[in-house]
Protein backbone atom coordinates (compact mmCIF):
# COMPACT_ATOMS: atom_id res chain seq x y z
CA MET A 1 -6.99 -17.25 28.02
CA SER A 2 -7.86 -16.00 24.54
CA LYS A 3 -5.33 -16.22 21.76
CA LYS A 4 -3.26 -13.18 20.85
CA ILE A 5 -2.78 -11.53 17.47
CA LEU A 6 -0.16 -8.93 16.53
CA PHE A 7 -1.10 -6.56 13.71
CA ILE A 8 1.85 -4.78 12.11
CA GLY A 9 1.06 -1.43 10.50
CA GLY A 10 3.21 0.74 8.28
CA SER A 11 1.86 3.36 5.91
CA ILE A 12 -1.50 4.94 6.69
CA ASN A 13 -3.04 2.57 4.14
CA GLN A 14 -1.47 -0.51 5.74
CA THR A 15 -2.29 0.62 9.26
CA THR A 16 -5.94 1.34 8.53
CA GLN A 17 -6.21 -2.04 6.81
CA MET A 18 -4.92 -3.74 9.96
CA LEU A 19 -7.39 -1.82 12.14
CA GLN A 20 -10.31 -2.91 9.95
CA ILE A 21 -9.27 -6.57 10.02
CA ALA A 22 -8.81 -6.48 13.79
CA GLY A 23 -12.30 -5.05 14.11
CA GLU A 24 -13.58 -8.37 12.75
CA LEU A 25 -11.55 -10.41 15.25
CA GLN A 26 -12.71 -9.11 18.61
CA GLU A 27 -12.84 -12.59 20.16
CA TYR A 28 -9.02 -12.51 20.26
CA GLU A 29 -6.61 -10.23 22.12
CA CYS A 30 -5.37 -7.83 19.46
CA PHE A 31 -2.16 -5.80 19.71
CA PHE A 32 -0.62 -3.38 17.23
CA SER A 33 2.83 -2.20 16.23
CA PRO A 34 4.18 0.24 13.68
CA PHE A 35 6.30 -1.53 11.10
CA TYR A 36 9.67 -2.52 12.52
CA ASP A 37 12.76 -4.64 12.08
CA ASP A 38 14.76 -6.15 14.92
CA GLY A 39 18.00 -6.25 12.94
CA LEU A 40 20.30 -3.78 11.17
CA LEU A 41 17.46 -2.06 9.35
CA GLY A 42 15.80 -1.34 12.67
CA LYS A 43 18.95 0.32 13.96
CA ALA A 44 19.18 2.42 10.79
CA ALA A 45 15.53 3.42 11.16
CA ARG A 46 15.99 4.57 14.74
CA ARG A 47 18.85 6.81 13.58
CA GLY A 48 16.57 8.47 11.04
CA LEU A 49 18.19 6.91 7.98
CA LEU A 50 15.03 5.27 6.58
CA GLU A 51 12.53 8.13 6.62
CA PHE A 52 11.62 7.39 2.99
CA SER A 53 10.29 3.97 4.03
CA ILE A 54 7.52 2.58 6.25
CA MET A 55 10.17 2.04 8.94
CA GLY A 56 10.74 5.77 9.17
CA ASN A 57 10.15 7.51 12.48
CA GLU A 58 7.47 9.79 11.02
CA ARG A 59 5.54 6.79 9.66
CA ALA A 60 5.76 5.20 13.11
CA ARG A 61 4.35 8.36 14.69
CA GLN A 62 1.49 8.41 12.17
CA ALA A 63 0.70 4.77 12.91
CA CYS A 64 0.75 5.38 16.67
CA ARG A 65 -1.63 8.33 16.28
CA LEU A 66 -4.06 6.03 14.48
CA PHE A 67 -3.67 3.45 17.24
CA ASP A 68 -4.40 6.10 19.87
CA GLU A 69 -7.44 7.39 17.97
CA ASN A 70 -8.86 3.88 17.78
CA GLY A 71 -8.08 3.00 21.40
CA VAL A 72 -6.18 -0.20 20.60
CA ARG A 73 -3.37 -1.86 22.56
CA VAL A 74 0.14 -1.15 21.30
CA ASP A 75 3.15 -3.44 21.48
CA ARG A 76 5.95 -1.73 19.53
CA GLY A 77 8.23 -4.36 18.12
CA GLY A 78 5.97 -7.24 19.20
CA THR A 79 8.02 -8.09 22.30
CA ARG A 80 5.33 -8.45 24.98
CA HIS A 81 3.81 -11.78 23.97
CA ALA A 82 4.44 -15.00 22.08
CA TYR A 83 1.74 -14.31 19.49
CA ASP A 84 -0.51 -17.02 18.09
CA LEU A 85 -0.84 -15.07 14.83
CA VAL A 86 0.82 -12.11 13.15
CA VAL A 87 -0.97 -10.11 10.43
CA THR A 88 1.18 -7.83 8.29
CA GLY A 89 0.88 -5.78 5.11
CA THR A 90 4.32 -6.59 3.73
CA ASP A 91 6.90 -9.36 3.77
CA LEU A 92 9.73 -7.42 2.12
CA VAL A 93 11.24 -7.45 5.60
CA VAL A 94 10.24 -10.18 8.07
CA PRO A 95 11.37 -9.38 11.64
CA ARG A 96 13.22 -12.21 13.32
CA ASN A 97 10.83 -12.40 16.26
CA ILE A 98 7.87 -13.38 14.06
CA ARG A 99 9.56 -15.81 11.68
CA ASN A 100 8.45 -18.83 13.69
CA ARG A 101 4.92 -17.51 14.16
CA ASN A 102 1.82 -18.09 12.08
CA ILE A 103 1.72 -15.18 9.64
CA VAL A 104 -1.09 -13.93 7.42
CA LEU A 105 0.16 -11.55 4.74
CA VAL A 106 -2.28 -8.99 3.32
CA GLN A 107 -1.61 -7.30 -0.01
CA GLU A 108 -1.33 -3.57 0.59
CA GLY A 109 -2.16 -2.28 -2.90
CA MET A 110 -0.47 -1.95 -6.28
CA THR A 111 2.81 -3.83 -6.73
CA GLU A 112 5.76 -2.15 -8.43
CA PRO A 113 7.26 -3.19 -11.79
CA GLU A 114 9.75 -6.01 -12.14
CA THR A 115 12.96 -4.04 -12.56
CA PHE A 116 16.59 -5.16 -12.69
CA PHE A 117 16.57 -5.21 -8.88
CA TYR A 118 13.60 -7.58 -8.87
CA HIS A 119 15.43 -10.10 -11.02
CA LEU A 120 18.58 -9.60 -8.94
CA ALA A 121 16.69 -10.38 -5.72
CA ARG A 122 15.03 -13.40 -7.31
CA ARG A 123 18.34 -14.81 -8.55
CA PHE A 124 20.54 -14.25 -5.50
CA ARG A 125 19.30 -15.09 -2.00
CA ARG A 126 21.74 -12.74 -0.33
CA VAL A 127 20.21 -9.75 -2.12
CA PRO A 128 17.46 -8.35 0.15
CA ARG A 129 13.95 -8.36 -1.31
CA TRP A 130 13.27 -4.81 -0.20
CA ILE A 131 15.76 -3.51 -2.75
CA ALA A 132 13.17 -4.32 -5.44
CA GLY A 133 10.24 -2.76 -3.58
CA THR A 134 6.78 -4.27 -3.62
CA ALA A 135 7.57 -6.23 -6.80
CA THR A 136 8.86 -8.98 -4.50
CA THR A 137 5.74 -9.07 -2.31
CA GLY A 138 4.95 -12.65 -1.35
CA LEU A 139 8.40 -14.02 -2.11
CA SER A 140 9.46 -14.48 1.51
CA HIS A 141 7.21 -17.56 1.68
CA ALA A 142 7.26 -16.98 5.45
CA TYR A 143 3.48 -16.80 5.80
CA ARG A 144 0.74 -19.40 6.12
CA LYS A 145 -1.76 -17.48 4.00
CA PHE A 146 -1.55 -14.55 1.57
CA CYS A 147 -4.74 -12.50 1.07
CA VAL A 148 -4.81 -10.77 -2.31
CA ALA A 149 -6.93 -8.19 -4.08
CA SER A 150 -8.19 -10.07 -7.14
CA TYR A 151 -7.91 -13.16 -9.30
CA GLY A 152 -5.64 -11.18 -11.61
CA TYR A 153 -3.24 -10.61 -8.74
CA ARG A 154 -3.56 -14.26 -7.76
CA ASP A 155 -2.30 -15.23 -11.22
CA LEU A 156 0.47 -12.61 -11.06
CA PHE A 157 1.79 -13.85 -7.72
CA ILE A 158 1.66 -17.48 -8.83
CA ARG A 159 3.71 -16.57 -11.91
CA LYS A 160 6.30 -15.01 -9.60
CA GLY A 161 6.59 -18.22 -7.61
CA VAL A 162 4.10 -17.92 -4.76
CA ASP A 163 2.54 -21.22 -3.71
CA GLU A 164 -1.03 -21.09 -5.05
CA ARG A 165 -2.23 -23.13 -2.05
CA LYS A 166 -1.33 -20.22 0.22
CA ILE A 167 -3.23 -17.59 -1.75
CA GLU A 168 -6.73 -16.48 -0.77
CA VAL A 169 -8.60 -14.02 -3.02
CA THR A 170 -10.39 -11.82 -0.48
CA SER A 171 -10.02 -8.30 -1.92
CA ILE A 172 -8.31 -5.82 0.42
CA PRO A 173 -9.63 -3.19 2.85
CA ASN A 174 -9.66 0.41 1.58
CA PHE A 175 -10.09 -0.86 -2.00
CA ASP A 176 -13.16 -3.12 -1.78
CA ASP A 177 -15.86 -0.40 -1.95
CA CYS A 178 -14.58 2.36 -4.18
CA ALA A 179 -18.10 3.49 -5.16
CA ARG A 180 -18.36 5.15 -1.74
CA PHE A 181 -16.06 7.91 -3.01
CA PHE A 182 -18.76 9.25 -5.35
CA ASP A 183 -20.64 10.57 -2.30
CA ASN A 184 -18.37 13.50 -1.42
CA SER A 185 -18.16 17.22 -0.89
CA PHE A 186 -14.88 17.79 -2.72
CA PRO A 187 -15.46 21.17 -4.43
CA TYR A 188 -13.72 20.57 -7.78
CA ARG A 189 -14.88 18.50 -10.76
CA ASP A 190 -14.06 17.65 -14.38
CA TYR A 191 -10.30 18.07 -14.00
CA VAL A 192 -7.46 15.76 -14.98
CA LEU A 193 -6.03 14.22 -11.83
CA VAL A 194 -2.29 13.53 -11.65
CA CYS A 195 -1.19 11.30 -8.76
CA THR A 196 2.56 11.83 -8.48
CA SER A 197 5.16 9.32 -7.31
CA ASP A 198 7.98 9.22 -4.79
CA ASN A 199 10.40 7.81 -7.37
CA ARG A 200 13.05 10.42 -6.72
CA GLU A 201 12.86 9.92 -2.97
CA THR A 202 13.41 6.19 -3.46
CA PHE A 203 16.31 6.72 -5.88
CA ILE A 204 14.41 5.96 -9.10
CA TYR A 205 14.96 8.38 -11.99
CA GLU A 206 12.05 10.59 -13.00
CA ASN A 207 12.10 13.66 -15.24
CA ARG A 208 9.26 15.46 -13.48
CA ILE A 209 9.45 18.62 -15.60
CA HIS A 210 9.13 16.61 -18.82
CA ASN A 211 6.25 14.68 -17.27
CA ILE A 212 4.40 17.85 -16.26
CA ARG A 213 4.58 19.13 -19.84
CA THR A 214 3.29 15.78 -21.07
CA TYR A 215 0.40 15.92 -18.60
CA LEU A 216 -0.58 19.35 -19.93
CA ASP A 217 -0.75 17.95 -23.46
CA MET A 218 -2.78 14.96 -22.30
CA ALA A 219 -5.24 17.21 -20.45
CA GLY A 220 -6.29 18.87 -23.70
CA GLY A 221 -7.17 22.16 -22.06
CA ARG A 222 -8.70 20.75 -18.87
CA ARG A 223 -7.33 21.95 -15.56
CA LEU A 224 -4.74 19.73 -13.89
CA LEU A 225 -5.08 18.72 -10.26
CA PHE A 226 -1.94 17.26 -8.71
CA LYS A 227 -2.20 14.97 -5.69
CA LEU A 228 1.32 14.71 -4.28
CA HIS A 229 2.69 11.43 -3.00
CA PRO A 230 2.98 11.51 0.81
CA ASN A 231 6.66 10.54 0.63
CA GLU A 232 7.86 13.12 -1.85
CA ASP A 233 9.51 16.49 -1.33
CA ALA A 234 6.36 18.61 -1.43
CA ALA A 235 8.19 21.96 -1.57
CA ARG A 236 10.20 20.90 -4.62
CA ALA A 237 7.14 19.43 -6.34
CA LEU A 238 5.13 22.60 -5.72
CA ARG A 239 7.88 24.79 -7.21
CA GLU A 240 8.02 22.63 -10.33
CA ILE A 241 4.24 22.65 -10.82
CA ARG A 242 3.91 26.41 -10.29
CA THR A 243 6.67 27.01 -12.83
CA HIS A 244 5.63 24.58 -15.54
CA ALA A 245 1.86 24.21 -15.02
CA PRO A 246 0.71 27.52 -13.49
CA GLY A 247 -2.94 27.56 -12.50
CA SER A 248 -2.98 23.90 -11.58
CA LEU A 249 -4.46 22.74 -8.27
CA VAL A 250 -2.04 21.03 -5.88
CA PHE A 251 -2.97 18.96 -2.83
CA GLY A 252 -0.55 17.37 -0.39
CA GLY A 253 -3.33 15.79 1.67
CA GLY A 254 -7.02 15.10 1.39
CA ASN A 255 -9.08 12.12 0.30
CA THR A 256 -7.52 10.80 -2.90
CA GLY A 257 -10.49 8.52 -3.59
CA GLU A 258 -12.84 11.51 -3.69
CA MET A 259 -10.45 13.35 -6.01
CA ILE A 260 -10.46 10.35 -8.34
CA ALA A 261 -14.26 10.12 -8.23
CA ASN A 262 -14.68 13.75 -9.32
CA SER A 263 -12.05 13.63 -12.07
CA ALA A 264 -12.65 13.37 -15.81
CA MET A 265 -9.45 11.36 -16.24
CA MET A 266 -6.51 10.33 -14.09
CA ILE A 267 -2.80 9.91 -14.73
CA ALA A 268 -0.41 7.91 -12.56
CA GLN A 269 2.48 5.48 -12.89
CA TYR A 270 2.68 2.48 -10.57
CA SER A 271 0.40 3.69 -7.81
CA SER A 272 -2.40 2.09 -5.85
CA THR A 273 -4.56 5.04 -6.87
CA ILE A 274 -4.99 3.53 -10.33
CA LEU A 275 -6.74 0.56 -8.76
CA VAL A 276 -9.34 2.97 -7.41
CA GLY A 277 -9.62 4.73 -10.78
CA SER A 278 -10.14 1.42 -12.53
CA ALA A 279 -12.76 0.31 -10.00
CA LEU A 280 -14.63 3.60 -10.56
CA GLY A 281 -14.59 3.19 -14.33
CA LYS A 282 -12.35 6.19 -14.94
CA LYS A 283 -10.10 6.59 -17.95
CA VAL A 284 -6.71 5.77 -16.46
CA HIS A 285 -3.37 6.55 -18.05
CA SER A 286 -0.66 4.52 -16.34
CA SER A 287 2.29 2.25 -16.96
CA ILE A 288 0.03 -0.80 -16.95
CA ASP A 289 -1.80 -2.25 -19.95
CA PRO A 290 -5.54 -1.48 -19.59
CA GLU A 291 -6.57 -5.15 -19.89
CA LEU A 292 -4.11 -6.15 -17.19
CA LEU A 293 -5.25 -3.28 -14.97
CA GLU A 294 -8.84 -4.45 -15.28
CA ALA A 295 -7.80 -7.96 -14.20
CA LEU A 296 -5.79 -6.63 -11.25
CA THR A 297 -8.54 -4.35 -9.96
CA PRO A 298 -9.61 -5.38 -6.43
CA LEU A 299 -12.92 -7.20 -6.06
CA GLN A 300 -15.63 -4.75 -5.02
CA ASN A 301 -17.22 -7.04 -2.44
CA ARG A 302 -17.35 -4.51 0.44
CA ARG A 303 -16.31 -7.30 2.83
CA ALA A 304 -12.55 -7.66 2.46
CA ALA A 305 -11.83 -7.27 6.19
CA HIS A 306 -14.50 -9.89 6.97
CA HIS A 307 -13.03 -12.37 4.49
CA ILE A 308 -9.47 -11.79 5.71
CA ALA A 309 -10.65 -12.31 9.29
CA ARG A 310 -12.09 -15.67 8.23
CA VAL A 311 -8.68 -16.64 6.84
CA CYS A 312 -7.05 -15.53 10.11
CA ARG A 313 -9.41 -17.71 12.11
CA GLU A 314 -8.62 -20.72 9.93
CA VAL A 315 -4.90 -20.19 10.55
CA ILE A 316 -5.01 -19.41 14.26
CA ASP A 317 -7.52 -22.15 15.14
CA GLY A 318 -6.08 -24.79 12.87
């Protein structure tokens, strides 16, 4: 019998990454699950208390729709088999039923800043890593291999304490061929793109009205185009933009990569979108030093899923 792999999704980005990697591993039996936890967090998620996270019920429904569209086998919660390998896009939470399995961790995108909560989680083991967000990516040490976007990220994770022997620089799916976004039919051009955050939904302070006024100054007369974060309160954001930046374009959905490709300049904070902007050579205003952003930018090798699949084979077959 062929060996079995469980791919754990999450956000649309994480889920589509898992689907691409699995597409390179067809010699194995591949199963998929939305992101889950088999402990207290899982119970909270089922009661609708974690809708702001990738364990939310709506995120699970989105992941399952992608699974259905791609005709893959689903095993919610990974309970059907004793898997030979588990591939996941985050280790902020590691479900109990995979902790003794071979795990390959795949970087999902931009990591968040090292806040007070990051240092708190690093200092005290009882403080859950998820409280610091993606800043603590890689710090579970529960995986056999960790596939990362670039050599800059390799150095960043090593500085945080990740074992360099576990890191493989492969680039990451969805970010390894950003030039493809230039070929698009998006009707607008030469605007200043603002990719908003879900800070307020994740209990981080943001003065959005002040920021909108700052964006107008930075645009220097160019039209603003706002791409809303999928987690944020879209109705509230739309009211704020219409009041303080009338005439701006606002999109809740659509292809963000194409919007970046057609922009004259982009503005974001800690968002994976700035990795795309950097890869496309755009002028990017963010919370990250430009030299560091250049180092962190994913390798544009167009073969991230292929390289990650190679790492998976090395782990699963010894």
